[in-house]
């Protein structure tokens, strides 16, 4: 049997991306969110426009869904499917890292925890499923912001709430961090949402490379980081391996 057609997967990812938020994005924003070359994104958009699937605003040059596809506005990956595909990999990540594991997706301008695996020890822990976490102050949230330029722009237009002295407080600082996340392929937090706690997260992708969630570990700074408060490279590797495994199960390219 022939394999999937990459250009169609990318076109579908662009349509899903436009179905989010305001639904008006420029070529550069789309290319950045999906990690495509700008020329590639532009070529796909021109084709989608030619067949009426997208429309371009002549004033801003930004794209939005065409009238025939407005029903795709609710085309988010169902969080239940995300959770069901990730359960086994989340358990394995908790076992390998020795830390609590959370899977998050965007909801109500926050990170919605859709699955939580307790740290594999006998300490008292609280289930976080259903909890809403701040986007700018968590590793999960930074991943989700880094690959959704429309969501990032919305967050940067508002005030960034401070939770600790380490919380990112300015839009320019946040923009720099999100660029670093895209370059590295993972995000970290060190005492940004809660003193004494750190976290590492990586993106979960579906068909076409669209980021539909994030998976990560969280725990005490001294376990997650080295003596200089830098994320432990071994733990980073565990998290990225788990994210890639879930992504493969959801149809992302290897």
Protein backbone atom coordinates (compact mmCIF):
# COMPACT_ATOMS: atom_id res chain seq x y z
CA UNK A 1 0.00 0.00 0.00
CA UNK A 2 1.29 3.51 -0.80
CA UNK A 3 2.24 5.73 2.11
CA UNK A 4 0.67 9.05 3.10
CA UNK A 5 1.06 12.09 0.83
CA UNK A 6 3.10 14.66 2.75
CA UNK A 7 1.70 17.71 0.93
CA UNK A 8 -1.86 16.69 1.80
CA UNK A 9 -0.91 16.15 5.45
CA UNK A 10 0.64 19.62 5.54
CA UNK A 11 -2.42 21.18 3.87
CA UNK A 12 -4.67 19.54 6.46
CA UNK A 13 -2.44 20.84 9.27
CA UNK A 14 -2.69 24.37 7.87
CA UNK A 15 -6.49 24.13 7.74
CA UNK A 16 -6.64 22.92 11.33
CA UNK A 17 -4.31 25.73 12.40
CA UNK A 18 -6.55 28.32 10.72
CA UNK A 19 -9.55 26.83 12.49
CA UNK A 20 -8.08 27.93 15.83
CA UNK A 21 -8.42 31.27 17.58
CA UNK A 22 -9.07 34.24 15.31
CA UNK A 23 -8.32 32.12 12.24
CA UNK A 24 -6.31 34.91 10.53
CA UNK A 25 -2.63 34.12 10.11
CA UNK A 26 0.19 35.28 7.86
CA UNK A 27 2.48 33.01 5.86
CA UNK A 28 5.32 33.47 8.33
CA UNK A 29 3.11 32.64 11.32
CA UNK A 30 1.86 29.46 9.66
CA UNK A 31 5.35 28.40 8.60
CA UNK A 32 6.69 28.96 12.12
CA UNK A 33 3.86 27.08 13.83
CA UNK A 34 4.26 24.01 11.61
CA UNK A 35 8.05 24.23 11.18
CA UNK A 36 7.76 24.54 7.40
CA UNK A 37 9.89 26.55 5.01
CA UNK A 38 8.10 29.81 4.23
CA UNK A 39 8.10 29.01 0.50
CA UNK A 40 6.51 25.62 1.16
CA UNK A 41 3.77 27.14 3.31
CA UNK A 42 3.11 29.83 0.72
CA UNK A 43 2.79 27.28 -2.08
CA UNK A 44 0.29 25.20 -0.13
CA UNK A 45 -1.73 28.29 0.80
CA UNK A 46 -1.89 29.44 -2.84
CA UNK A 47 -3.21 26.02 -3.84
CA UNK A 48 -5.79 26.00 -1.04
CA UNK A 49 -6.85 29.50 -2.05
CA UNK A 50 -7.21 28.46 -5.70
CA UNK A 51 -9.69 25.72 -4.77
CA UNK A 52 -11.58 27.95 -2.33
CA UNK A 53 -10.49 26.28 0.90
CA UNK A 54 -8.83 29.45 2.24
CA UNK A 55 -9.28 33.15 1.61
CA UNK A 56 -6.71 35.97 1.83
CA UNK A 57 -7.53 39.34 3.34
CA UNK A 58 -6.39 41.88 0.73
CA UNK A 59 -5.75 44.50 3.42
CA UNK A 60 -3.54 42.45 5.75
CA UNK A 61 -2.39 39.62 3.49
CA UNK A 62 -3.41 37.13 6.17
CA UNK A 63 -5.30 33.92 5.49
CA UNK A 64 -8.48 32.46 6.92
CA UNK A 65 -10.70 29.48 6.17
CA UNK A 66 -12.85 29.73 3.07
CA UNK A 67 -16.62 29.70 3.36
CA UNK A 68 -16.81 26.05 2.30
CA UNK A 69 -14.67 24.96 5.25
CA UNK A 70 -15.91 27.10 8.13
CA UNK A 71 -17.30 23.98 9.74
CA UNK A 72 -13.70 23.03 10.49
CA UNK A 73 -13.67 25.67 13.24
CA UNK A 74 -14.20 22.91 15.79
CA UNK A 75 -11.54 20.61 14.39
CA UNK A 76 -9.41 20.27 17.51
CA UNK A 77 -8.15 16.79 18.23
CA UNK A 78 -10.49 15.32 20.84
CA UNK A 79 -8.69 15.39 24.19
CA UNK A 80 -10.01 11.92 24.98
CA UNK A 81 -8.17 10.56 21.94
CA UNK A 82 -5.02 12.42 22.95
CA UNK A 83 -5.25 10.91 26.43
CA UNK A 84 -6.00 7.37 25.23
CA UNK A 85 -3.07 7.36 22.78
CA UNK A 86 -0.65 8.75 25.39
CA UNK A 87 -1.50 6.70 28.49
CA UNK A 88 1.05 3.91 28.00
CA UNK A 89 3.84 6.30 27.05
CA UNK A 90 3.06 8.54 30.04
CA UNK A 91 3.32 5.57 32.40
CA UNK A 92 6.65 4.60 30.85
CA UNK A 93 7.96 8.16 31.17
CA UNK A 94 7.03 8.28 34.87
CA UNK A 95 8.84 4.99 35.41
CA UNK A 96 11.99 6.07 33.55
CA UNK A 97 12.23 9.56 35.03
CA UNK A 98 10.93 8.83 38.53
CA UNK A 99 8.79 11.97 38.27
CA UNK A 100 5.14 12.92 37.86
CA UNK A 101 3.97 13.16 34.25
CA UNK A 102 1.27 15.47 32.87
CA UNK A 103 -0.24 15.80 29.41
CA UNK A 104 -1.78 19.14 28.52
CA UNK A 105 -3.84 20.77 25.77
CA UNK A 106 -5.06 24.34 25.25
CA UNK A 107 -8.40 25.24 26.84
CA UNK A 108 -9.85 28.58 27.93
CA UNK A 109 -6.55 30.37 27.41
CA UNK A 110 -4.76 27.97 29.75
CA UNK A 111 -3.21 24.52 29.80
CA UNK A 112 -5.82 21.87 30.57
CA UNK A 113 -4.27 18.81 32.22
CA UNK A 114 -5.93 15.88 30.41
CA UNK A 115 -3.83 13.11 31.98
CA UNK A 116 -1.63 12.85 35.07
CA UNK A 117 0.59 9.99 36.23
CA UNK A 118 1.77 10.13 39.83
CA UNK A 119 5.45 10.07 40.71
CA UNK A 120 6.30 6.38 41.29
CA UNK A 121 6.97 6.54 45.04
CA UNK A 122 4.92 6.43 48.23
CA UNK A 123 4.58 10.18 48.80
CA UNK A 124 1.15 11.82 49.09
CA UNK A 125 0.14 13.35 45.74
CA UNK A 126 -2.92 15.12 44.34
CA UNK A 127 -4.49 14.27 40.97
CA UNK A 128 -4.19 17.21 38.56
CA UNK A 129 -6.55 16.02 35.78
CA UNK A 130 -8.88 18.89 34.88
CA UNK A 131 -6.60 21.52 36.39
CA UNK A 132 -5.92 24.69 34.38
CA UNK A 133 -2.28 25.82 34.39
CA UNK A 134 -0.80 29.14 33.17
CA UNK A 135 0.57 29.07 29.64
CA UNK A 136 3.51 31.42 30.18
CA UNK A 137 4.74 29.97 33.49
CA UNK A 138 4.81 26.22 32.79
CA UNK A 139 6.87 24.01 30.50
CA UNK A 140 3.68 22.51 29.05
CA UNK A 141 2.29 25.96 28.35
CA UNK A 142 5.47 27.27 26.73
CA UNK A 143 5.41 24.34 24.30
CA UNK A 144 1.79 25.02 23.36
CA UNK A 145 2.48 28.75 22.93
CA UNK A 146 5.65 28.19 20.89
CA UNK A 147 3.80 26.33 18.14
CA UNK A 148 0.61 28.44 18.04
CA UNK A 149 1.45 31.99 16.99
CA UNK A 150 -2.15 33.18 17.22
CA UNK A 151 -2.46 31.96 20.82
CA UNK A 152 0.95 33.45 21.68
CA UNK A 153 -0.11 36.83 20.28
CA UNK A 154 -3.28 36.75 22.38
CA UNK A 155 -1.33 35.96 25.55
CA UNK A 156 1.24 38.67 24.83
CA UNK A 157 -1.48 41.30 24.43
CA UNK A 158 -2.58 40.72 28.01
CA UNK A 159 -0.83 41.06 31.36
CA UNK A 160 1.42 38.15 32.32
CA UNK A 161 0.53 37.13 35.85
CA UNK A 162 3.46 36.72 38.22
CA UNK A 163 3.54 33.59 40.40
CA UNK A 164 7.14 33.76 41.66
CA UNK A 165 10.11 36.07 41.21
CA UNK A 166 11.20 33.87 38.30
CA UNK A 167 7.96 34.10 36.31
CA UNK A 168 8.39 35.64 32.85
CA UNK A 169 7.08 39.18 33.18
CA UNK A 170 7.42 40.83 29.76
CA UNK A 171 6.17 40.08 26.26
CA UNK A 172 9.63 40.49 24.69
CA UNK A 173 11.13 38.04 27.19
CA UNK A 174 8.33 35.58 26.47
CA UNK A 175 8.88 35.92 22.71
CA UNK A 176 12.58 35.12 23.17
CA UNK A 177 11.78 32.06 25.28
CA UNK A 178 9.26 30.75 22.74
CA UNK A 179 11.83 31.13 19.95
CA UNK A 180 14.28 29.12 22.05
CA UNK A 181 11.63 26.43 22.57
CA UNK A 182 11.10 26.11 18.81
CA UNK A 183 14.85 25.90 18.24
CA UNK A 184 15.40 23.28 20.95
CA UNK A 185 12.20 21.27 20.48
CA UNK A 186 11.41 21.27 24.22
CA UNK A 187 10.67 23.69 27.07
CA UNK A 188 11.59 24.01 30.72
CA UNK A 189 10.38 25.88 33.78
CA UNK A 190 12.44 26.42 36.91
CA UNK A 191 10.47 27.82 39.85
CA UNK A 192 8.33 29.94 37.51
CA UNK A 193 4.92 28.73 38.67
CA UNK A 194 5.79 27.43 42.13
CA UNK A 195 8.92 27.82 44.31
CA UNK A 196 11.04 24.70 44.52
CA UNK A 197 9.46 23.00 41.48
CA UNK A 198 10.70 22.55 37.92
CA UNK A 199 9.39 20.94 34.76
CA UNK A 200 10.36 19.82 31.26
CA UNK A 201 7.94 19.32 28.35
CA UNK A 202 7.93 18.54 24.62
CA UNK A 203 5.30 18.84 21.86
CA UNK A 204 2.89 16.11 20.79
CA UNK A 205 2.11 16.30 17.07
CA UNK A 206 -0.53 14.73 14.83
CA UNK A 207 -0.86 14.48 11.04
CA UNK A 208 1.04 17.17 9.15
CA UNK A 209 3.09 18.15 12.19
CA UNK A 210 0.29 20.06 13.94
CA UNK A 211 1.02 20.40 17.68
CA UNK A 212 -2.07 19.14 19.53
CA UNK A 213 -0.70 18.85 23.06
CA UNK A 214 2.37 18.58 25.25
CA UNK A 215 3.78 15.96 27.59
CA UNK A 216 6.16 16.66 30.43
CA UNK A 217 7.53 15.85 33.85
CA UNK A 218 7.46 17.99 36.98
CA UNK A 219 9.09 17.71 40.36
CA UNK A 220 11.58 19.17 42.77
CA UNK A 221 14.26 21.40 41.25
CA UNK A 222 17.08 19.31 42.69
CA UNK A 223 15.77 16.21 40.86
CA UNK A 224 14.82 17.82 37.54
CA UNK A 225 17.87 20.11 37.28
CA UNK A 226 21.60 19.98 37.91
CA UNK A 227 23.50 21.96 40.56
CA UNK A 228 23.31 25.09 38.36
CA UNK A 229 19.52 24.83 37.95
CA UNK A 230 19.83 23.68 34.34
CA UNK A 231 17.44 20.95 33.13
CA UNK A 232 18.97 17.48 33.38
CA UNK A 233 19.84 16.35 29.84
CA UNK A 234 18.91 12.74 30.60
CA UNK A 235 15.42 13.74 31.72
CA UNK A 236 15.08 15.97 28.65
CA UNK A 237 15.87 12.93 26.53
CA UNK A 238 13.21 10.84 28.29
CA UNK A 239 10.58 13.53 27.72
CA UNK A 240 11.43 14.02 24.05
CA UNK A 241 11.40 10.26 23.44
CA UNK A 242 7.93 10.00 24.99
CA UNK A 243 6.64 12.96 22.96
CA UNK A 244 7.91 11.42 19.73
CA UNK A 245 6.33 8.08 20.59
CA UNK A 246 2.91 9.61 21.23
CA UNK A 247 3.23 11.70 18.08
CA UNK A 248 3.91 8.59 16.00
CA UNK A 249 0.76 6.98 17.42
CA UNK A 250 -1.21 10.06 16.37
CA UNK A 251 0.07 9.89 12.80
CA UNK A 252 2.92 12.39 12.82
CA UNK A 253 5.84 11.70 10.48
CA UNK A 254 8.88 10.08 12.07
